[in-house]
Amino acid sequence: MRVAVYYRNDDIRLEEMPIPEIGAGELLLKVSMCGICGSDVMEWYRIQKAPRVLGHEVVGVISEVGEGVDQYSPGERVFISHHVPCGECRYCQTGRHTACETLHSTNLDPGGFAEYTRVPGINVERGVFLLPDEVTDEEGVFVEPLGCVLRGQEKLGIREGDTVLVLGSGVSGILHIQLARSLGASLVLATDINESRLRFAELFGAHRAIEASEDVPGIVREVNEGNLTDHVVVSTAALPAIRQAFECVDDGGNILIFAPTPPGVELSLEINDLWNRQVTVTTTYAASPSDLEIALELIRAGQVRVGEMVTDRLGLAETSRGFRMVAEPGESLKVVVEPHR
């Protein structure tokens, strides 16, 4: 079978690899579509394990089922979660599933940028989601990223009538905008440095999209009756945006650091000011099976418009171009790869 092997962001090679053999309790998935995630192009993170086949936003059709798999059948269309928790450790038992060591060690074999991928037994047990007929492959690709966004906003505790500022209007930022609106936020603002992404932010529900180099705190006050926002989501690794979050959050408000920075990046904070203003700073990583289940239902119900976010569909041989499009965003938003195209 053909696979797209990652060596570095500007070196993705189309290679041949045997179709994985499955064992008892496993599945063989014929990959229909896999999204290129912003984390796929975080070279400082990915290059440590290169060469490898990436791709974790995976939708496909079950090709084979291993012995003992009774709950799924060949021909069924599914989304597969690459990371799954054990469900038994102290983290899982206290709702911190994404801190589970098992979740950090599980994965697909070899990955989503391949014609076929093996789904290990634990992923079959905890990470297979049947796609309803009304959910397209393009929409199914968003189950994992929306699940991650959902987990972040659950930590923020967004309530009806709250105000939200999203810093960074890439794919995750756009999902944050839409989810905040669906949760009843009365005002959702967004920023970016890319003109096309500012247009996407407004298209997908931001009440106002602001160029990030402008006086963002001043504009927030201008459109929010003199107030800063209840919640700020930092959906970019840019250090100026992280600093800006503290300038834009209201007293008693919350900041979600959603996007990771490269190792070694430090930020100076005046702890007394943070304490005096009673600002909460939190982070999230990945999604639990329950997050993914809710995300799929939000997509099925049309509460978050995700299919429209796909701007580019590429064949497996074009994966390298897709990585460039995601790493250096221009007019594109969501780029997906179709391995059998």
C-alpha atoms as a PDB file:
ATOM      1  CA  MET A   1       0.000   0.000   0.000  1.00  0.00           C
ATOM      2  CA  ARG A   2       1.017   3.640  -0.412  1.00  0.00           C
ATOM      3  CA  VAL A   3       1.877   5.795   2.599  1.00  0.00           C
ATOM      4  CA  ALA A   4       3.036   9.390   3.045  1.00  0.00           C
ATOM      5  CA  VAL A   5       6.104   9.290   5.295  1.00  0.00           C
ATOM      6  CA  TYR A   6       7.043  12.374   7.329  1.00  0.00           C
ATOM      7  CA  TYR A   7      10.747  13.237   7.534  1.00  0.00           C
ATOM      8  CA  ARG A   8      10.253  16.938   8.178  1.00  0.00           C
ATOM      9  CA  ASN A   9       7.702  19.565   7.130  1.00  0.00           C
ATOM     10  CA  ASP A  10       9.280  20.078   3.709  1.00  0.00           C
ATOM     11  CA  ASP A  11      10.084  16.407   3.167  1.00  0.00           C
ATOM     12  CA  ILE A  12       7.024  14.140   2.960  1.00  0.00           C
ATOM     13  CA  ARG A  13       7.720  11.101   0.788  1.00  0.00           C
ATOM     14  CA  LEU A  14       5.282   8.773  -0.956  1.00  0.00           C
ATOM     15  CA  GLU A  15       6.498   5.259  -0.148  1.00  0.00           C
ATOM     16  CA  GLU A  16       5.310   1.648  -0.233  1.00  0.00           C
ATOM     17  CA  MET A  17       4.582  -0.390   2.878  1.00  0.00           C
ATOM     18  CA  PRO A  18       2.855  -3.771   3.400  1.00  0.00           C
ATOM     19  CA  ILE A  19      -0.805  -3.631   4.379  1.00  0.00           C
ATOM     20  CA  PRO A  20      -0.805  -4.282   8.157  1.00  0.00           C
ATOM     21  CA  GLU A  21      -1.875  -7.701   9.327  1.00  0.00           C
ATOM     22  CA  ILE A  22      -4.465  -7.646  12.097  1.00  0.00           C
ATOM     23  CA  GLY A  23      -4.763  -9.901  15.103  1.00  0.00           C
ATOM     24  CA  ALA A  24      -7.562 -10.891  17.457  1.00  0.00           C
ATOM     25  CA  GLY A  25      -9.619  -7.957  18.644  1.00  0.00           C
ATOM     26  CA  GLU A  26      -8.288  -5.624  15.949  1.00  0.00           C
ATOM     27  CA  LEU A  27      -9.635  -3.916  12.829  1.00  0.00           C
ATOM     28  CA  LEU A  28      -8.179  -3.088   9.431  1.00  0.00           C
ATOM     29  CA  LEU A  29      -9.440   0.277   8.231  1.00  0.00           C
ATOM     30  CA  LYS A  30      -9.479   1.410   4.622  1.00  0.00           C
ATOM     31  CA  VAL A  31      -8.776   5.105   5.094  1.00  0.00           C
ATOM     32  CA  SER A  32     -11.197   7.328   3.195  1.00  0.00           C
ATOM     33  CA  MET A  33      -9.992  10.695   4.471  1.00  0.00           C
ATOM     34  CA  CYS A  34      -7.567  12.140   7.000  1.00  0.00           C
ATOM     35  CA  GLY A  35      -7.251  15.774   8.011  1.00  0.00           C
ATOM     36  CA  ILE A  36      -3.919  17.548   8.338  1.00  0.00           C
ATOM     37  CA  CYS A  37      -3.856  18.932  11.867  1.00  0.00           C
ATOM     38  CA  GLY A  38      -1.909  22.010  12.950  1.00  0.00           C
ATOM     39  CA  SER A  39      -0.028  19.732  15.333  1.00  0.00           C
ATOM     40  CA  ASP A  40       1.151  17.636  12.368  1.00  0.00           C
ATOM     41  CA  VAL A  41       3.242  20.591  11.184  1.00  0.00           C
ATOM     42  CA  MET A  42       4.763  21.388  14.596  1.00  0.00           C
ATOM     43  CA  GLU A  43       8.187  20.346  13.363  1.00  0.00           C
ATOM     44  CA  TRP A  44       9.911  20.760  16.749  1.00  0.00           C
ATOM     45  CA  TYR A  45       7.520  18.087  18.055  1.00  0.00           C
ATOM     46  CA  ARG A  46       7.146  15.711  15.124  1.00  0.00           C
ATOM     47  CA  ILE A  47      10.733  15.516  13.931  1.00  0.00           C
ATOM     48  CA  GLN A  48      11.804  13.748  17.131  1.00  0.00           C
ATOM     49  CA  LYS A  49      10.106  10.536  15.944  1.00  0.00           C
ATOM     50  CA  ALA A  50      10.713  10.904  12.198  1.00  0.00           C
ATOM     51  CA  PRO A  51      10.525   9.143   9.839  1.00  0.00           C
ATOM     52  CA  ARG A  52       6.948   8.095  10.513  1.00  0.00           C
ATOM     53  CA  VAL A  53       3.457   8.080   9.035  1.00  0.00           C
ATOM     54  CA  LEU A  54       1.369  10.783  10.687  1.00  0.00           C
ATOM     55  CA  GLY A  55      -2.377  11.417  10.511  1.00  0.00           C
ATOM     56  CA  HIS A  56      -4.850  11.142  13.366  1.00  0.00           C
ATOM     57  CA  GLU A  57      -8.077  12.745  12.089  1.00  0.00           C
ATOM     58  CA  VAL A  58      -9.095   9.498  10.450  1.00  0.00           C
ATOM     59  CA  VAL A  59     -12.315   8.435   8.737  1.00  0.00           C
ATOM     60  CA  GLY A  60     -12.658   5.211   6.811  1.00  0.00           C
ATOM     61  CA  VAL A  61     -14.486   1.972   6.067  1.00  0.00           C
ATOM     62  CA  ILE A  62     -13.826  -1.199   8.038  1.00  0.00           C
ATOM     63  CA  SER A  63     -12.097  -3.643   5.690  1.00  0.00           C
ATOM     64  CA  GLU A  64     -11.479  -6.589   8.031  1.00  0.00           C
ATOM     65  CA  VAL A  65     -12.327  -7.513  11.615  1.00  0.00           C
ATOM     66  CA  GLY A  66     -10.167  -9.684  13.825  1.00  0.00           C
ATOM     67  CA  GLU A  67     -11.294 -12.712  15.807  1.00  0.00           C
ATOM     68  CA  GLY A  68     -13.540 -11.749  18.701  1.00  0.00           C
ATOM     69  CA  VAL A  69     -14.715  -8.444  17.217  1.00  0.00           C
ATOM     70  CA  ASP A  70     -18.487  -8.760  17.238  1.00  0.00           C
ATOM     71  CA  GLN A  71     -19.565  -5.125  17.589  1.00  0.00           C
ATOM     72  CA  TYR A  72     -18.292  -3.981  14.183  1.00  0.00           C
ATOM     73  CA  SER A  73     -18.546  -5.366  10.662  1.00  0.00           C
ATOM     74  CA  PRO A  74     -16.752  -4.895   7.344  1.00  0.00           C
ATOM     75  CA  GLY A  75     -18.295  -2.096   5.296  1.00  0.00           C
ATOM     76  CA  GLU A  76     -19.188   0.130   8.254  1.00  0.00           C
ATOM     77  CA  ARG A  77     -18.048   3.735   8.019  1.00  0.00           C
ATOM     78  CA  VAL A  78     -16.279   4.988  11.141  1.00  0.00           C
ATOM     79  CA  PHE A  79     -14.166   7.654  12.770  1.00  0.00           C
ATOM     80  CA  ILE A  80     -11.210   6.206  14.693  1.00  0.00           C
ATOM     81  CA  SER A  81      -9.613   7.859  17.722  1.00  0.00           C
ATOM     82  CA  HIS A  82      -5.840   7.356  17.731  1.00  0.00           C
ATOM     83  CA  HIS A  83      -5.396   8.140  21.451  1.00  0.00           C
ATOM     84  CA  VAL A  84      -7.554   6.277  23.979  1.00  0.00           C
ATOM     85  CA  PRO A  85      -7.373   6.142  27.790  1.00  0.00           C
ATOM     86  CA  CYS A  86      -7.283   3.006  29.914  1.00  0.00           C
ATOM     87  CA  GLY A  87     -10.406   3.964  31.875  1.00  0.00           C
ATOM     88  CA  GLU A  88      -8.995   2.505  35.080  1.00  0.00           C
ATOM     89  CA  CYS A  89      -6.078   4.633  36.335  1.00  0.00           C
ATOM     90  CA  ARG A  90      -6.425   7.445  38.877  1.00  0.00           C
ATOM     91  CA  TYR A  91      -6.515  10.015  36.098  1.00  0.00           C
ATOM     92  CA  CYS A  92      -9.385   8.295  34.295  1.00  0.00           C
ATOM     93  CA  GLN A  93     -11.257   7.693  37.539  1.00  0.00           C
ATOM     94  CA  THR A  94     -11.163  11.423  38.327  1.00  0.00           C
ATOM     95  CA  GLY A  95     -12.134  12.662  34.863  1.00  0.00           C
ATOM     96  CA  ARG A  96      -8.578  13.539  33.780  1.00  0.00           C
ATOM     97  CA  HIS A  97      -8.570  11.035  30.924  1.00  0.00           C
ATOM     98  CA  THR A  98      -6.124  12.961  28.770  1.00  0.00           C
ATOM     99  CA  ALA A  99      -3.442  12.732  31.471  1.00  0.00           C
ATOM    100  CA  CYS A 100      -3.679   8.927  31.299  1.00  0.00           C
ATOM    101  CA  GLU A 101      -0.370   7.276  30.358  1.00  0.00           C
ATOM    102  CA  THR A 102      -2.187   4.826  28.090  1.00  0.00           C
ATOM    103  CA  LEU A 103      -3.759   7.681  26.122  1.00  0.00           C
ATOM    104  CA  HIS A 104      -0.288   9.105  25.481  1.00  0.00           C
ATOM    105  CA  SER A 105       1.075   5.761  24.253  1.00  0.00           C
ATOM    106  CA  THR A 106      -1.763   4.468  22.031  1.00  0.00           C
ATOM    107  CA  ASN A 107      -1.855   5.080  18.283  1.00  0.00           C
ATOM    108  CA  LEU A 108      -2.823   3.665  14.905  1.00  0.00           C
ATOM    109  CA  ASP A 109      -0.512   1.528  12.771  1.00  0.00           C
ATOM    110  CA  PRO A 110       0.960   3.174  10.762  1.00  0.00           C
ATOM    111  CA  GLY A 111      -1.235   6.327  10.788  1.00  0.00           C
ATOM    112  CA  GLY A 112      -3.904   8.105   8.791  1.00  0.00           C
ATOM    113  CA  PHE A 113      -1.815   9.185   5.804  1.00  0.00           C
ATOM    114  CA  ALA A 114      -1.915   5.660   4.428  1.00  0.00           C
ATOM    115  CA  GLU A 115      -4.285   3.602   2.314  1.00  0.00           C
ATOM    116  CA  TYR A 116      -4.914   1.226   5.224  1.00  0.00           C
ATOM    117  CA  THR A 117      -4.263   1.387   8.962  1.00  0.00           C
ATOM    118  CA  ARG A 118      -4.450  -1.209  11.732  1.00  0.00           C
ATOM    119  CA  VAL A 119      -6.641  -0.351  14.699  1.00  0.00           C
ATOM    120  CA  PRO A 120      -5.239  -1.988  17.877  1.00  0.00           C
ATOM    121  CA  GLY A 121      -7.557  -3.808  20.266  1.00  0.00           C
ATOM    122  CA  ILE A 122      -7.723  -1.060  22.901  1.00  0.00           C
ATOM    123  CA  ASN A 123      -8.632   1.468  20.204  1.00  0.00           C
ATOM    124  CA  VAL A 124     -11.346  -0.902  18.964  1.00  0.00           C
ATOM    125  CA  GLU A 125     -12.739  -1.059  22.507  1.00  0.00           C
ATOM    126  CA  ARG A 126     -12.602   2.659  23.270  1.00  0.00           C
ATOM    127  CA  GLY A 127     -12.035   4.645  20.082  1.00  0.00           C
ATOM    128  CA  VAL A 128     -14.307   3.511  17.246  1.00  0.00           C
ATOM    129  CA  PHE A 129     -17.318   5.693  16.432  1.00  0.00           C
ATOM    130  CA  LEU A 130     -19.860   4.712  13.789  1.00  0.00           C
ATOM    131  CA  LEU A 131     -20.662   7.615  11.493  1.00  0.00           C
ATOM    132  CA  PRO A 132     -24.372   8.250  10.874  1.00  0.00           C
ATOM    133  CA  ASP A 133     -25.420   8.389   7.232  1.00  0.00           C
ATOM    134  CA  GLU A 134     -26.066  12.121   7.506  1.00  0.00           C
ATOM    135  CA  VAL A 135     -22.444  12.823   8.600  1.00  0.00           C
ATOM    136  CA  THR A 136     -20.103  13.104   5.606  1.00  0.00           C
ATOM    137  CA  ASP A 137     -16.463  12.019   5.576  1.00  0.00           C
ATOM    138  CA  GLU A 138     -15.445  15.694   5.597  1.00  0.00           C
ATOM    139  CA  GLU A 139     -17.502  16.232   8.738  1.00  0.00           C
ATOM    140  CA  GLY A 140     -16.227  13.040  10.361  1.00  0.00           C
ATOM    141  CA  VAL A 141     -12.657  14.306  10.085  1.00  0.00           C
ATOM    142  CA  PHE A 142     -13.577  17.024  12.610  1.00  0.00           C
ATOM    143  CA  VAL A 143     -14.726  14.706  15.408  1.00  0.00           C
ATOM    144  CA  GLU A 144     -11.271  14.663  17.020  1.00  0.00           C
ATOM    145  CA  PRO A 145     -10.436  18.392  16.734  1.00  0.00           C
ATOM    146  CA  LEU A 146     -13.916  19.378  17.889  1.00  0.00           C
ATOM    147  CA  GLY A 147     -13.617  16.948  20.810  1.00  0.00           C
ATOM    148  CA  CYS A 148     -10.404  18.696  21.862  1.00  0.00           C
ATOM    149  CA  VAL A 149     -12.101  22.103  21.611  1.00  0.00           C
ATOM    150  CA  LEU A 150     -15.071  20.825  23.583  1.00  0.00           C
ATOM    151  CA  ARG A 151     -12.807  19.640  26.388  1.00  0.00           C
ATOM    152  CA  GLY A 152     -11.169  23.066  26.528  1.00  0.00           C
ATOM    153  CA  GLN A 153     -14.438  24.956  26.709  1.00  0.00           C
ATOM    154  CA  GLU A 154     -15.772  22.595  29.370  1.00  0.00           C
ATOM    155  CA  LYS A 155     -12.794  23.654  31.490  1.00  0.00           C
ATOM    156  CA  LEU A 156     -13.570  27.305  30.845  1.00  0.00           C
ATOM    157  CA  GLY A 157     -17.171  26.789  31.896  1.00  0.00           C
ATOM    158  CA  ILE A 158     -18.710  29.008  29.222  1.00  0.00           C
ATOM    159  CA  ARG A 159     -22.308  29.842  30.111  1.00  0.00           C
ATOM    160  CA  GLU A 160     -25.139  31.487  28.218  1.00  0.00           C
ATOM    161  CA  GLY A 161     -24.554  35.228  28.026  1.00  0.00           C
ATOM    162  CA  ASP A 162     -20.770  35.046  28.531  1.00  0.00           C
ATOM    163  CA  THR A 163     -18.323  36.917  26.329  1.00  0.00           C
ATOM    164  CA  VAL A 164     -15.444  35.130  24.593  1.00  0.00           C
ATOM    165  CA  LEU A 165     -12.318  36.253  22.742  1.00  0.00           C
ATOM    166  CA  VAL A 166     -10.507  33.739  20.508  1.00  0.00           C
ATOM    167  CA  LEU A 167      -6.898  34.638  19.702  1.00  0.00           C
ATOM    168  CA  GLY A 168      -5.953  32.865  16.472  1.00  0.00           C
ATOM    169  CA  SER A 169      -8.509  31.937  13.818  1.00  0.00           C
ATOM    170  CA  GLY A 170      -7.080  28.791  12.312  1.00  0.00           C
ATOM    171  CA  VAL A 171      -9.077  25.552  12.330  1.00  0.00           C
ATOM    172  CA  SER A 172      -9.107  25.243  16.132  1.00  0.00           C
ATOM    173  CA  GLY A 173      -9.939  28.915  16.529  1.00  0.00           C
ATOM    174  CA  ILE A 174     -12.875  28.635  14.133  1.00  0.00           C
ATOM    175  CA  LEU A 175     -14.156  25.594  16.058  1.00  0.00           C
ATOM    176  CA  HIS A 176     -13.836  27.554  19.316  1.00  0.00           C
ATOM    177  CA  ILE A 177     -15.842  30.398  17.780  1.00  0.00           C
ATOM    178  CA  GLN A 178     -18.623  28.090  16.639  1.00  0.00           C
ATOM    179  CA  LEU A 179     -18.785  26.077  19.856  1.00  0.00           C
ATOM    180  CA  ALA A 180     -18.893  29.213  22.017  1.00  0.00           C
ATOM    181  CA  ARG A 181     -21.777  30.504  19.923  1.00  0.00           C
ATOM    182  CA  SER A 182     -23.609  27.173  20.256  1.00  0.00           C
ATOM    183  CA  LEU A 183     -23.155  27.314  24.045  1.00  0.00           C
ATOM    184  CA  GLY A 184     -24.949  30.659  24.123  1.00  0.00           C
ATOM    185  CA  ALA A 185     -22.090  33.161  24.335  1.00  0.00           C
ATOM    186  CA  SER A 186     -23.550  36.610  23.771  1.00  0.00           C
ATOM    187  CA  LEU A 187     -20.409  38.042  22.171  1.00  0.00           C
ATOM    188  CA  VAL A 188     -17.625  36.148  20.406  1.00  0.00           C
ATOM    189  CA  LEU A 189     -14.649  38.093  19.103  1.00  0.00           C
ATOM    190  CA  ALA A 190     -11.653  36.738  17.195  1.00  0.00           C
ATOM    191  CA  THR A 191      -8.199  37.829  16.077  1.00  0.00           C
ATOM    192  CA  ASP A 192      -5.587  36.779  13.547  1.00  0.00           C
ATOM    193  CA  ILE A 193      -2.792  38.260  11.428  1.00  0.00           C
ATOM    194  CA  ASN A 194      -4.028  36.533   8.265  1.00  0.00           C
ATOM    195  CA  GLU A 195      -6.689  38.386   6.293  1.00  0.00           C
ATOM    196  CA  SER A 196      -8.356  35.249   4.921  1.00  0.00           C
ATOM    197  CA  ARG A 197      -8.640  33.786   8.409  1.00  0.00           C
ATOM    198  CA  LEU A 198     -10.272  36.957   9.653  1.00  0.00           C
ATOM    199  CA  ARG A 199     -12.847  36.477   6.894  1.00  0.00           C
ATOM    200  CA  PHE A 200     -13.324  32.852   7.950  1.00  0.00           C
ATOM    201  CA  ALA A 201     -13.790  33.956  11.573  1.00  0.00           C
ATOM    202  CA  GLU A 202     -16.693  36.201  10.625  1.00  0.00           C
ATOM    203  CA  LEU A 203     -18.107  33.655   8.181  1.00  0.00           C
ATOM    204  CA  PHE A 204     -18.287  31.066  10.951  1.00  0.00           C
ATOM    205  CA  GLY A 205     -19.840  33.241  13.588  1.00  0.00           C
ATOM    206  CA  ALA A 206     -17.479  35.777  15.150  1.00  0.00           C
ATOM    207  CA  HIS A 207     -19.336  38.979  15.901  1.00  0.00           C
ATOM    208  CA  ARG A 208     -16.165  40.835  14.980  1.00  0.00           C
ATOM    209  CA  ALA A 209     -12.766  39.772  13.641  1.00  0.00           C
ATOM    210  CA  ILE A 210      -9.838  41.975  14.697  1.00  0.00           C
ATOM    211  CA  GLU A 211      -6.393  42.265  13.148  1.00  0.00           C
ATOM    212  CA  ALA A 212      -4.077  41.066  15.930  1.00  0.00           C
ATOM    213  CA  SER A 213      -1.688  44.031  15.635  1.00  0.00           C
ATOM    214  CA  GLU A 214      -4.479  46.501  16.435  1.00  0.00           C
ATOM    215  CA  ASP A 215      -5.386  47.720  19.924  1.00  0.00           C
ATOM    216  CA  VAL A 216      -7.262  44.535  20.730  1.00  0.00           C
ATOM    217  CA  PRO A 217      -8.041  45.355  24.413  1.00  0.00           C
ATOM    218  CA  GLY A 218      -9.339  48.766  23.355  1.00  0.00           C
ATOM    219  CA  ILE A 219     -11.551  47.310  20.635  1.00  0.00           C
ATOM    220  CA  VAL A 220     -12.855  44.655  23.042  1.00  0.00           C
ATOM    221  CA  ARG A 221     -13.912  47.369  25.482  1.00  0.00           C
ATOM    222  CA  GLU A 222     -15.424  49.389  22.650  1.00  0.00           C
ATOM    223  CA  VAL A 223     -17.730  46.573  21.520  1.00  0.00           C
ATOM    224  CA  ASN A 224     -18.358  45.093  24.990  1.00  0.00           C
ATOM    225  CA  GLU A 225     -19.828  48.056  26.850  1.00  0.00           C
ATOM    226  CA  GLY A 226     -16.475  49.065  28.325  1.00  0.00           C
ATOM    227  CA  ASN A 227     -15.660  45.568  29.612  1.00  0.00           C
ATOM    228  CA  LEU A 228     -13.040  42.993  28.805  1.00  0.00           C
ATOM    229  CA  THR A 229     -14.143  39.410  28.058  1.00  0.00           C
ATOM    230  CA  ASP A 230     -15.140  36.655  30.470  1.00  0.00           C
ATOM    231  CA  HIS A 231     -13.050  34.068  28.626  1.00  0.00           C
ATOM    232  CA  VAL A 232     -10.008  34.208  26.352  1.00  0.00           C
ATOM    233  CA  VAL A 233      -8.955  31.208  24.241  1.00  0.00           C
ATOM    234  CA  VAL A 234      -5.356  31.288  23.010  1.00  0.00           C
ATOM    235  CA  SER A 235      -5.475  29.189  19.853  1.00  0.00           C
ATOM    236  CA  THR A 236      -2.022  30.150  18.595  1.00  0.00           C
ATOM    237  CA  ALA A 237       1.506  29.531  19.847  1.00  0.00           C
ATOM    238  CA  ALA A 238       2.526  33.154  19.232  1.00  0.00           C
ATOM    239  CA  LEU A 239       3.918  34.626  22.450  1.00  0.00           C
ATOM    240  CA  PRO A 240       2.467  38.114  21.752  1.00  0.00           C
ATOM    241  CA  ALA A 241      -0.998  36.527  21.649  1.00  0.00           C
ATOM    242  CA  ILE A 242      -0.446  34.832  24.999  1.00  0.00           C
ATOM    243  CA  ARG A 243       0.574  38.176  26.493  1.00  0.00           C
ATOM    244  CA  GLN A 244      -2.446  39.776  24.854  1.00  0.00           C
ATOM    245  CA  ALA A 245      -4.739  37.274  26.563  1.00  0.00           C
ATOM    246  CA  PHE A 246      -3.885  38.746  29.963  1.00  0.00           C
ATOM    247  CA  GLU A 247      -4.632  42.247  28.663  1.00  0.00           C
ATOM    248  CA  CYS A 248      -8.046  41.213  27.344  1.00  0.00           C
ATOM    249  CA  VAL A 249      -9.497  39.022  30.107  1.00  0.00           C
ATOM    250  CA  ASP A 250     -11.855  40.600  32.610  1.00  0.00           C
ATOM    251  CA  ASP A 251     -11.360  40.397  36.372  1.00  0.00           C
ATOM    252  CA  GLY A 252     -12.485  36.985  37.568  1.00  0.00           C
ATOM    253  CA  GLY A 253     -12.215  35.689  34.010  1.00  0.00           C
ATOM    254  CA  ASN A 254     -10.549  32.654  32.469  1.00  0.00           C
ATOM    255  CA  ILE A 255      -7.724  32.085  29.991  1.00  0.00           C
ATOM    256  CA  LEU A 256      -7.361  28.796  28.098  1.00  0.00           C
ATOM    257  CA  ILE A 257      -3.902  28.107  26.658  1.00  0.00           C
ATOM    258  CA  PHE A 258      -5.044  25.777  23.893  1.00  0.00           C
ATOM    259  CA  ALA A 259      -2.049  25.751  21.542  1.00  0.00           C
ATOM    260  CA  PRO A 260       1.388  24.609  22.757  1.00  0.00           C
ATOM    261  CA  THR A 261       4.576  26.594  22.235  1.00  0.00           C
ATOM    262  CA  PRO A 262       7.973  25.044  21.446  1.00  0.00           C
ATOM    263  CA  PRO A 263       9.917  23.936  24.536  1.00  0.00           C
ATOM    264  CA  GLY A 264      11.800  26.644  26.402  1.00  0.00           C
ATOM    265  CA  VAL A 265       9.340  29.477  25.764  1.00  0.00           C
ATOM    266  CA  GLU A 266       8.833  31.444  28.979  1.00  0.00           C
ATOM    267  CA  LEU A 267       6.379  34.156  29.963  1.00  0.00           C
ATOM    268  CA  SER A 268       6.862  36.648  32.786  1.00  0.00           C
ATOM    269  CA  LEU A 269       3.781  37.234  34.932  1.00  0.00           C
ATOM    270  CA  GLU A 270       3.128  39.604  37.787  1.00  0.00           C
ATOM    271  CA  ILE A 271       1.673  37.080  40.212  1.00  0.00           C
ATOM    272  CA  ASN A 272       0.200  39.738  42.492  1.00  0.00           C
ATOM    273  CA  ASP A 273      -1.737  41.225  39.580  1.00  0.00           C
ATOM    274  CA  LEU A 274      -2.933  37.770  38.564  1.00  0.00           C
ATOM    275  CA  TRP A 275      -4.026  37.086  42.150  1.00  0.00           C
ATOM    276  CA  ASN A 276      -5.625  40.498  42.630  1.00  0.00           C
ATOM    277  CA  ARG A 277      -7.628  40.213  39.406  1.00  0.00           C
ATOM    278  CA  GLN A 278      -8.610  36.616  40.230  1.00  0.00           C
ATOM    279  CA  VAL A 279      -7.795  35.381  36.729  1.00  0.00           C
ATOM    280  CA  THR A 280      -7.753  31.621  36.155  1.00  0.00           C
ATOM    281  CA  VAL A 281      -5.290  30.208  33.614  1.00  0.00           C
ATOM    282  CA  THR A 282      -5.833  26.646  32.390  1.00  0.00           C
ATOM    283  CA  THR A 283      -4.729  24.265  29.644  1.00  0.00           C
ATOM    284  CA  THR A 284      -6.146  21.196  27.935  1.00  0.00           C
ATOM    285  CA  TYR A 285      -4.764  18.422  25.789  1.00  0.00           C
ATOM    286  CA  ALA A 286      -6.526  15.962  23.464  1.00  0.00           C
ATOM    287  CA  ALA A 287     -10.034  14.569  24.050  1.00  0.00           C
ATOM    288  CA  SER A 288     -11.657  11.731  25.973  1.00  0.00           C
ATOM    289  CA  PRO A 289     -14.056   9.203  24.408  1.00  0.00           C
ATOM    290  CA  SER A 290     -17.007  11.064  25.935  1.00  0.00           C
ATOM    291  CA  ASP A 291     -15.762  14.349  24.404  1.00  0.00           C
ATOM    292  CA  LEU A 292     -15.605  12.666  20.995  1.00  0.00           C
ATOM    293  CA  GLU A 293     -19.089  11.216  21.404  1.00  0.00           C
ATOM    294  CA  ILE A 294     -20.524  14.651  22.187  1.00  0.00           C
ATOM    295  CA  ALA A 295     -18.551  16.218  19.323  1.00  0.00           C
ATOM    296  CA  LEU A 296     -19.992  13.704  16.870  1.00  0.00           C
ATOM    297  CA  GLU A 297     -23.509  14.502  18.047  1.00  0.00           C
ATOM    298  CA  LEU A 298     -22.907  18.258  17.717  1.00  0.00           C
ATOM    299  CA  ILE A 299     -21.764  17.661  14.141  1.00  0.00           C
ATOM    300  CA  ARG A 300     -24.693  15.346  13.369  1.00  0.00           C
ATOM    301  CA  ALA A 301     -27.160  17.898  14.745  1.00  0.00           C
ATOM    302  CA  GLY A 302     -25.607  20.697  12.690  1.00  0.00           C
ATOM    303  CA  GLN A 303     -24.785  22.771  15.764  1.00  0.00           C
ATOM    304  CA  VAL A 304     -21.219  23.222  14.534  1.00  0.00           C
ATOM    305  CA  ARG A 305     -20.689  23.682  10.779  1.00  0.00           C
ATOM    306  CA  VAL A 306     -17.563  21.742   9.951  1.00  0.00           C
ATOM    307  CA  GLY A 307     -17.924  20.355   6.436  1.00  0.00           C
ATOM    308  CA  GLU A 308     -17.862  23.902   5.065  1.00  0.00           C
ATOM    309  CA  MET A 309     -14.462  24.447   6.690  1.00  0.00           C
ATOM    310  CA  VAL A 310     -12.755  22.068   4.255  1.00  0.00           C
ATOM    311  CA  THR A 311     -11.122  24.209   1.578  1.00  0.00           C
ATOM    312  CA  ASP A 312      -8.707  21.706   0.016  1.00  0.00           C
ATOM    313  CA  ARG A 313      -8.981  17.969  -0.776  1.00  0.00           C
ATOM    314  CA  LEU A 314      -5.746  16.325  -1.903  1.00  0.00           C
ATOM    315  CA  GLY A 315      -4.597  12.880  -2.963  1.00  0.00           C
ATOM    316  CA  LEU A 316      -1.974  10.975  -0.972  1.00  0.00           C
ATOM    317  CA  ALA A 317       0.746  11.963  -3.448  1.00  0.00           C
ATOM    318  CA  GLU A 318      -0.035  15.616  -2.654  1.00  0.00           C
ATOM    319  CA  THR A 319       0.417  15.261   1.121  1.00  0.00           C
ATOM    320  CA  SER A 320       3.657  17.257   1.006  1.00  0.00           C
ATOM    321  CA  ARG A 321       1.844  20.187  -0.615  1.00  0.00           C
ATOM    322  CA  GLY A 322      -0.860  19.877   2.008  1.00  0.00           C
ATOM    323  CA  PHE A 323       1.686  20.189   4.804  1.00  0.00           C
ATOM    324  CA  ARG A 324       3.060  23.355   3.211  1.00  0.00           C
ATOM    325  CA  MET A 325      -0.447  24.784   2.969  1.00  0.00           C
ATOM    326  CA  VAL A 326      -1.048  24.167   6.675  1.00  0.00           C
ATOM    327  CA  ALA A 327       2.409  25.308   7.819  1.00  0.00           C
ATOM    328  CA  GLU A 328       2.238  28.528   5.780  1.00  0.00           C
ATOM    329  CA  PRO A 329      -1.469  29.421   5.747  1.00  0.00           C
ATOM    330  CA  GLY A 330      -2.729  31.521   2.917  1.00  0.00           C
ATOM    331  CA  GLU A 331      -6.252  31.166   1.560  1.00  0.00           C
ATOM    332  CA  SER A 332      -6.686  27.620   2.883  1.00  0.00           C
ATOM    333  CA  LEU A 333      -8.448  26.660   6.091  1.00  0.00           C
ATOM    334  CA  LYS A 334      -8.857  22.878   6.467  1.00  0.00           C
ATOM    335  CA  VAL A 335      -6.801  20.584   4.257  1.00  0.00           C
ATOM    336  CA  VAL A 336      -7.724  16.891   3.994  1.00  0.00           C
ATOM    337  CA  VAL A 337      -6.006  13.947   2.305  1.00  0.00           C
ATOM    338  CA  GLU A 338      -7.856  11.167   0.467  1.00  0.00           C
ATOM    339  CA  PRO A 339      -5.412   8.220   0.308  1.00  0.00           C
ATOM    340  CA  HIS A 340      -7.258   6.318  -2.434  1.00  0.00           C
ATOM    341  CA  ARG A 341      -7.763   9.324  -4.682  1.00  0.00           C
END
